[in-house]
PDB file of N, CA and C in Angstrom:
ATOM      1  N   MET A   1       0.832  -1.166   0.000  1.00  0.00           N
ATOM      2  CA  MET A   1       0.000   0.000   0.000  1.00  0.00           C
ATOM      3  C   MET A   1       0.891   1.248   0.000  1.00  0.00           C
ATOM      4  N   ILE A   2       0.588   2.178  -0.854  1.00  0.00           N
ATOM      5  CA  ILE A   2       1.335   3.428  -0.938  1.00  0.00           C
ATOM      6  C   ILE A   2       0.495   4.535  -0.320  1.00  0.00           C
ATOM      7  N   LYS A   3       1.108   5.278   0.610  1.00  0.00           N
ATOM      8  CA  LYS A   3       0.448   6.421   1.228  1.00  0.00           C
ATOM      9  C   LYS A   3       1.210   7.675   0.853  1.00  0.00           C
ATOM     10  N   LYS A   4       0.494   8.745   0.669  1.00  0.00           N
ATOM     11  CA  LYS A   4       1.119  10.029   0.392  1.00  0.00           C
ATOM     12  C   LYS A   4       0.913  10.950   1.580  1.00  0.00           C
ATOM     13  N   VAL A   5       1.915  11.763   1.839  1.00  0.00           N
ATOM     14  CA  VAL A   5       1.825  12.756   2.901  1.00  0.00           C
ATOM     15  C   VAL A   5       2.146  14.122   2.311  1.00  0.00           C
ATOM     16  N   VAL A   6       1.714  15.147   2.990  1.00  0.00           N
ATOM     17  CA  VAL A   6       1.946  16.511   2.534  1.00  0.00           C
ATOM     18  C   VAL A   6       3.148  17.088   3.271  1.00  0.00           C
ATOM     19  N   VAL A   7       4.115  17.580   2.525  1.00  0.00           N
ATOM     20  CA  VAL A   7       5.278  18.257   3.093  1.00  0.00           C
ATOM     21  C   VAL A   7       4.888  19.717   3.293  1.00  0.00           C
ATOM     22  N   MET A   8       4.965  20.173   4.542  1.00  0.00           N
ATOM     23  CA  MET A   8       4.533  21.532   4.871  1.00  0.00           C
ATOM     24  C   MET A   8       5.680  22.537   4.923  1.00  0.00           C
ATOM     25  N   GLY A   9       6.905  22.058   4.855  1.00  0.00           N
ATOM     26  CA  GLY A   9       8.024  22.982   4.905  1.00  0.00           C
ATOM     27  C   GLY A   9       9.345  22.246   4.894  1.00  0.00           C
ATOM     28  N   LYS A  10      10.407  23.031   4.941  1.00  0.00           N
ATOM     29  CA  LYS A  10      11.755  22.473   4.947  1.00  0.00           C
ATOM     30  C   LYS A  10      12.599  23.319   5.888  1.00  0.00           C
ATOM     31  N   GLY A  11      13.438  22.662   6.686  1.00  0.00           N
ATOM     32  CA  GLY A  11      14.278  23.393   7.633  1.00  0.00           C
ATOM     33  C   GLY A  11      15.470  22.562   8.053  1.00  0.00           C
ATOM     34  N   SER A  12      16.048  22.916   9.192  1.00  0.00           N
ATOM     35  CA  SER A  12      17.228  22.226   9.712  1.00  0.00           C
ATOM     36  C   SER A  12      16.900  21.559  11.036  1.00  0.00           C
ATOM     37  N   ILE A  13      17.492  20.392  11.255  1.00  0.00           N
ATOM     38  CA  ILE A  13      17.420  19.728  12.552  1.00  0.00           C
ATOM     39  C   ILE A  13      18.698  20.079  13.291  1.00  0.00           C
ATOM     40  N   LYS A  14      18.555  20.639  14.481  1.00  0.00           N
ATOM     41  CA  LYS A  14      19.715  20.985  15.308  1.00  0.00           C
ATOM     42  C   LYS A  14      19.849  19.957  16.408  1.00  0.00           C
ATOM     43  N   PHE A  15      21.099  19.564  16.701  1.00  0.00           N
ATOM     44  CA  PHE A  15      21.348  18.591  17.755  1.00  0.00           C
ATOM     45  C   PHE A  15      22.721  18.820  18.350  1.00  0.00           C
ATOM     46  N   GLU A  16      22.960  18.179  19.487  1.00  0.00           N
ATOM     47  CA  GLU A  16      24.248  18.281  20.157  1.00  0.00           C
ATOM     48  C   GLU A  16      24.883  16.898  20.219  1.00  0.00           C
ATOM     49  N   THR A  17      26.176  16.816  19.888  1.00  0.00           N
ATOM     50  CA  THR A  17      26.889  15.537  19.908  1.00  0.00           C
ATOM     51  C   THR A  17      27.248  15.155  21.335  1.00  0.00           C
ATOM     52  N   LYS A  18      27.735  13.927  21.496  1.00  0.00           N
ATOM     53  CA  LYS A  18      28.180  13.473  22.821  1.00  0.00           C
ATOM     54  C   LYS A  18      29.330  14.322  23.347  1.00  0.00           C
ATOM     55  N   GLN A  19      30.097  14.942  22.430  1.00  0.00           N
ATOM     56  CA  GLN A  19      31.227  15.785  22.821  1.00  0.00           C
ATOM     57  C   GLN A  19      30.796  17.232  23.079  1.00  0.00           C
ATOM     58  N   GLY A  20      29.501  17.526  22.942  1.00  0.00           N
ATOM     59  CA  GLY A  20      28.993  18.865  23.216  1.00  0.00           C
ATOM     60  C   GLY A  20      28.990  19.803  22.024  1.00  0.00           C
ATOM     61  N   GLU A  21      29.364  19.304  20.843  1.00  0.00           N
ATOM     62  CA  GLU A  21      29.351  20.156  19.646  1.00  0.00           C
ATOM     63  C   GLU A  21      27.918  20.343  19.163  1.00  0.00           C
ATOM     64  N   LYS A  22      27.599  21.548  18.725  1.00  0.00           N
ATOM     65  CA  LYS A  22      26.286  21.804  18.164  1.00  0.00           C
ATOM     66  C   LYS A  22      26.358  21.620  16.647  1.00  0.00           C
ATOM     67  N   LYS A  23      25.483  20.782  16.102  1.00  0.00           N
ATOM     68  CA  LYS A  23      25.473  20.460  14.676  1.00  0.00           C
ATOM     69  C   LYS A  23      24.071  20.657  14.133  1.00  0.00           C
ATOM     70  N   HIS A  24      23.941  20.609  12.807  1.00  0.00           N
ATOM     71  CA  HIS A  24      22.622  20.645  12.187  1.00  0.00           C
ATOM     72  C   HIS A  24      22.636  19.884  10.869  1.00  0.00           C
ATOM     73  N   ILE A  25      21.481  19.367  10.512  1.00  0.00           N
ATOM     74  CA  ILE A  25      21.287  18.710   9.221  1.00  0.00           C
ATOM     75  C   ILE A  25      20.316  19.590   8.445  1.00  0.00           C
ATOM     76  N   PRO A  26      20.772  20.218   7.354  1.00  0.00           N
ATOM     77  CA  PRO A  26      19.910  21.150   6.605  1.00  0.00           C
ATOM     78  C   PRO A  26      18.966  20.434   5.640  1.00  0.00           C
ATOM     79  N   ASN A  27      17.976  21.169   5.172  1.00  0.00           N
ATOM     80  CA  ASN A  27      17.046  20.721   4.129  1.00  0.00           C
ATOM     81  C   ASN A  27      16.259  19.467   4.511  1.00  0.00           C
ATOM     82  N   VAL A  28      15.742  19.447   5.735  1.00  0.00           N
ATOM     83  CA  VAL A  28      14.928  18.338   6.212  1.00  0.00           C
ATOM     84  C   VAL A  28      13.461  18.719   6.039  1.00  0.00           C
ATOM     85  N   TYR A  29      12.665  17.802   5.504  1.00  0.00           N
ATOM     86  CA  TYR A  29      11.242  18.078   5.279  1.00  0.00           C
ATOM     87  C   TYR A  29      10.452  17.976   6.577  1.00  0.00           C
ATOM     88  N   TYR A  30       9.455  18.865   6.718  1.00  0.00           N
ATOM     89  CA  TYR A  30       8.529  18.830   7.845  1.00  0.00           C
ATOM     90  C   TYR A  30       7.204  18.259   7.367  1.00  0.00           C
ATOM     91  N   VAL A  31       6.789  17.144   7.970  1.00  0.00           N
ATOM     92  CA  VAL A  31       5.515  16.501   7.641  1.00  0.00           C
ATOM     93  C   VAL A  31       4.712  16.425   8.939  1.00  0.00           C
ATOM     94  N   PRO A  32       3.671  17.256   9.091  1.00  0.00           N
ATOM     95  CA  PRO A  32       2.904  17.248  10.340  1.00  0.00           C
ATOM     96  C   PRO A  32       2.103  15.960  10.511  1.00  0.00           C
ATOM     97  N   ASN A  33       1.734  15.677  11.743  1.00  0.00           N
ATOM     98  CA  ASN A  33       0.858  14.559  12.112  1.00  0.00           C
ATOM     99  C   ASN A  33       1.472  13.179  11.924  1.00  0.00           C
ATOM    100  N   LEU A  34       2.781  13.076  11.791  1.00  0.00           N
ATOM    101  CA  LEU A  34       3.400  11.748  11.771  1.00  0.00           C
ATOM    102  C   LEU A  34       3.516  11.237  13.201  1.00  0.00           C
ATOM    103  N   LYS A  35       3.381   9.944  13.384  1.00  0.00           N
ATOM    104  CA  LYS A  35       3.510   9.359  14.719  1.00  0.00           C
ATOM    105  C   LYS A  35       4.968   9.271  15.146  1.00  0.00           C
ATOM    106  N   HIS A  36       5.894   9.199  14.171  1.00  0.00           N
ATOM    107  CA  HIS A  36       7.317   9.077  14.468  1.00  0.00           C
ATOM    108  C   HIS A  36       8.094  10.056  13.600  1.00  0.00           C
ATOM    109  N   ASN A  37       9.239  10.493  14.089  1.00  0.00           N
ATOM    110  CA  ASN A  37      10.119  11.336  13.288  1.00  0.00           C
ATOM    111  C   ASN A  37      10.828  10.477  12.251  1.00  0.00           C
ATOM    112  N   LEU A  38      11.066  11.046  11.090  1.00  0.00           N
ATOM    113  CA  LEU A  38      11.771  10.348  10.022  1.00  0.00           C
ATOM    114  C   LEU A  38      13.076  11.064   9.721  1.00  0.00           C
ATOM    115  N   ILE A  39      14.079  10.294   9.374  1.00  0.00           N
ATOM    116  CA  ILE A  39      15.336  10.868   8.922  1.00  0.00           C
ATOM    117  C   ILE A  39      15.792  10.054   7.724  1.00  0.00           C
ATOM    118  N   SER A  40      16.296  10.716   6.719  1.00  0.00           N
ATOM    119  CA  SER A  40      16.714  10.043   5.500  1.00  0.00           C
ATOM    120  C   SER A  40      18.163   9.585   5.630  1.00  0.00           C
ATOM    121  N   ILE A  41      18.361   8.276   5.626  1.00  0.00           N
ATOM    122  CA  ILE A  41      19.718   7.727   5.689  1.00  0.00           C
ATOM    123  C   ILE A  41      20.499   8.151   4.444  1.00  0.00           C
ATOM    124  N   GLY A  42      19.844   8.131   3.291  1.00  0.00           N
ATOM    125  CA  GLY A  42      20.495   8.569   2.057  1.00  0.00           C
ATOM    126  C   GLY A  42      20.979   9.999   2.142  1.00  0.00           C
ATOM    127  N   GLN A  43      20.158  10.869   2.741  1.00  0.00           N
ATOM    128  CA  GLN A  43      20.555  12.271   2.888  1.00  0.00           C
ATOM    129  C   GLN A  43      21.748  12.394   3.827  1.00  0.00           C
ATOM    130  N   LEU A  44      21.767  11.633   4.905  1.00  0.00           N
ATOM    131  CA  LEU A  44      22.914  11.668   5.811  1.00  0.00           C
ATOM    132  C   LEU A  44      24.180  11.219   5.098  1.00  0.00           C
ATOM    133  N   LEU A  45      24.101  10.141   4.311  1.00  0.00           N
ATOM    134  CA  LEU A  45      25.262   9.652   3.572  1.00  0.00           C
ATOM    135  C   LEU A  45      25.755  10.685   2.565  1.00  0.00           C
ATOM    136  N   GLN A  46      24.838  11.358   1.877  1.00  0.00           N
ATOM    137  CA  GLN A  46      25.218  12.399   0.916  1.00  0.00           C
ATOM    138  C   GLN A  46      25.936  13.549   1.599  1.00  0.00           C
ATOM    139  N   LYS A  47      25.586  13.821   2.859  1.00  0.00           N
ATOM    140  CA  LYS A  47      26.201  14.914   3.607  1.00  0.00           C
ATOM    141  C   LYS A  47      27.520  14.504   4.259  1.00  0.00           C
ATOM    142  N   GLY A  48      27.951  13.241   4.066  1.00  0.00           N
ATOM    143  CA  GLY A  48      29.250  12.806   4.587  1.00  0.00           C
ATOM    144  C   GLY A  48      29.195  12.090   5.924  1.00  0.00           C
ATOM    145  N   TYR A  49      28.003  11.845   6.459  1.00  0.00           N
ATOM    146  CA  TYR A  49      27.891  11.110   7.710  1.00  0.00           C
ATOM    147  C   TYR A  49      28.080   9.619   7.458  1.00  0.00           C
ATOM    148  N   LYS A  50      28.516   8.885   8.463  1.00  0.00           N
ATOM    149  CA  LYS A  50      28.593   7.430   8.442  1.00  0.00           C
ATOM    150  C   LYS A  50      27.480   6.916   9.344  1.00  0.00           C
ATOM    151  N   VAL A  51      26.729   5.915   8.881  1.00  0.00           N
ATOM    152  CA  VAL A  51      25.590   5.401   9.625  1.00  0.00           C
ATOM    153  C   VAL A  51      25.773   3.906   9.853  1.00  0.00           C
ATOM    154  N   TYR A  52      25.665   3.476  11.120  1.00  0.00           N
ATOM    155  CA  TYR A  52      25.838   2.072  11.484  1.00  0.00           C
ATOM    156  C   TYR A  52      24.609   1.581  12.258  1.00  0.00           C
ATOM    157  N   PHE A  53      24.119   0.407  11.873  1.00  0.00           N
ATOM    158  CA  PHE A  53      23.004  -0.222  12.569  1.00  0.00           C
ATOM    159  C   PHE A  53      23.492  -1.511  13.210  1.00  0.00           C
ATOM    160  N   GLU A  54      23.093  -1.716  14.470  1.00  0.00           N
ATOM    161  CA  GLU A  54      23.393  -2.975  15.146  1.00  0.00           C
ATOM    162  C   GLU A  54      22.292  -3.219  16.167  1.00  0.00           C
ATOM    163  N   ASN A  55      21.661  -4.399  16.066  1.00  0.00           N
ATOM    164  CA  ASN A  55      20.519  -4.746  16.916  1.00  0.00           C
ATOM    165  C   ASN A  55      19.463  -3.643  16.816  1.00  0.00           C
ATOM    166  N   ASP A  56      19.114  -3.003  17.910  1.00  0.00           N
ATOM    167  CA  ASP A  56      18.096  -1.957  17.863  1.00  0.00           C
ATOM    168  C   ASP A  56      18.704  -0.553  18.012  1.00  0.00           C
ATOM    169  N   THR A  57      19.977  -0.416  17.609  1.00  0.00           N
ATOM    170  CA  THR A  57      20.683   0.853  17.762  1.00  0.00           C
ATOM    171  C   THR A  57      21.171   1.366  16.418  1.00  0.00           C
ATOM    172  N   CYS A  58      21.080   2.675  16.232  1.00  0.00           N
ATOM    173  CA  CYS A  58      21.637   3.341  15.056  1.00  0.00           C
ATOM    174  C   CYS A  58      22.607   4.403  15.562  1.00  0.00           C
ATOM    175  N   GLU A  59      23.841   4.357  15.055  1.00  0.00           N
ATOM    176  CA  GLU A  59      24.841   5.371  15.414  1.00  0.00           C
ATOM    177  C   GLU A  59      25.185   6.156  14.163  1.00  0.00           C
ATOM    178  N   ILE A  60      25.281   7.462  14.319  1.00  0.00           N
ATOM    179  CA  ILE A  60      25.591   8.371  13.209  1.00  0.00           C
ATOM    180  C   ILE A  60      26.881   9.099  13.564  1.00  0.00           C
ATOM    181  N   PHE A  61      27.856   9.030  12.656  1.00  0.00           N
ATOM    182  CA  PHE A  61      29.158   9.667  12.860  1.00  0.00           C
ATOM    183  C   PHE A  61      29.413  10.706  11.782  1.00  0.00           C
ATOM    184  N   ASP A  62      30.014  11.805  12.169  1.00  0.00           N
ATOM    185  CA  ASP A  62      30.380  12.876  11.259  1.00  0.00           C
ATOM    186  C   ASP A  62      31.895  12.852  11.112  1.00  0.00           C
ATOM    187  N   ASN A  63      32.400  12.704   9.904  1.00  0.00           N
ATOM    188  CA  ASN A  63      33.843  12.606   9.680  1.00  0.00           C
ATOM    189  C   ASN A  63      34.557  13.937   9.635  1.00  0.00           C
ATOM    190  N   THR A  64      33.836  15.041   9.761  1.00  0.00           N
ATOM    191  CA  THR A  64      34.514  16.333   9.680  1.00  0.00           C
ATOM    192  C   THR A  64      35.109  16.724  10.991  1.00  0.00           C
TER     193      THR A  64
END
């Protein structure tokens, strides 16, 4: 089944790393009324991040 959602905007996600650095991921779509937040693994890879999955954990590393 294919569902469509409406993108209401685009912005940046701001976060803090374990080392206390403030970072952001630009050009993230805002879709209201979702039950869970979504993040594009492809977009992270394009931006130079490394993404690792193991069991129920996802770790994201920035090589810069």
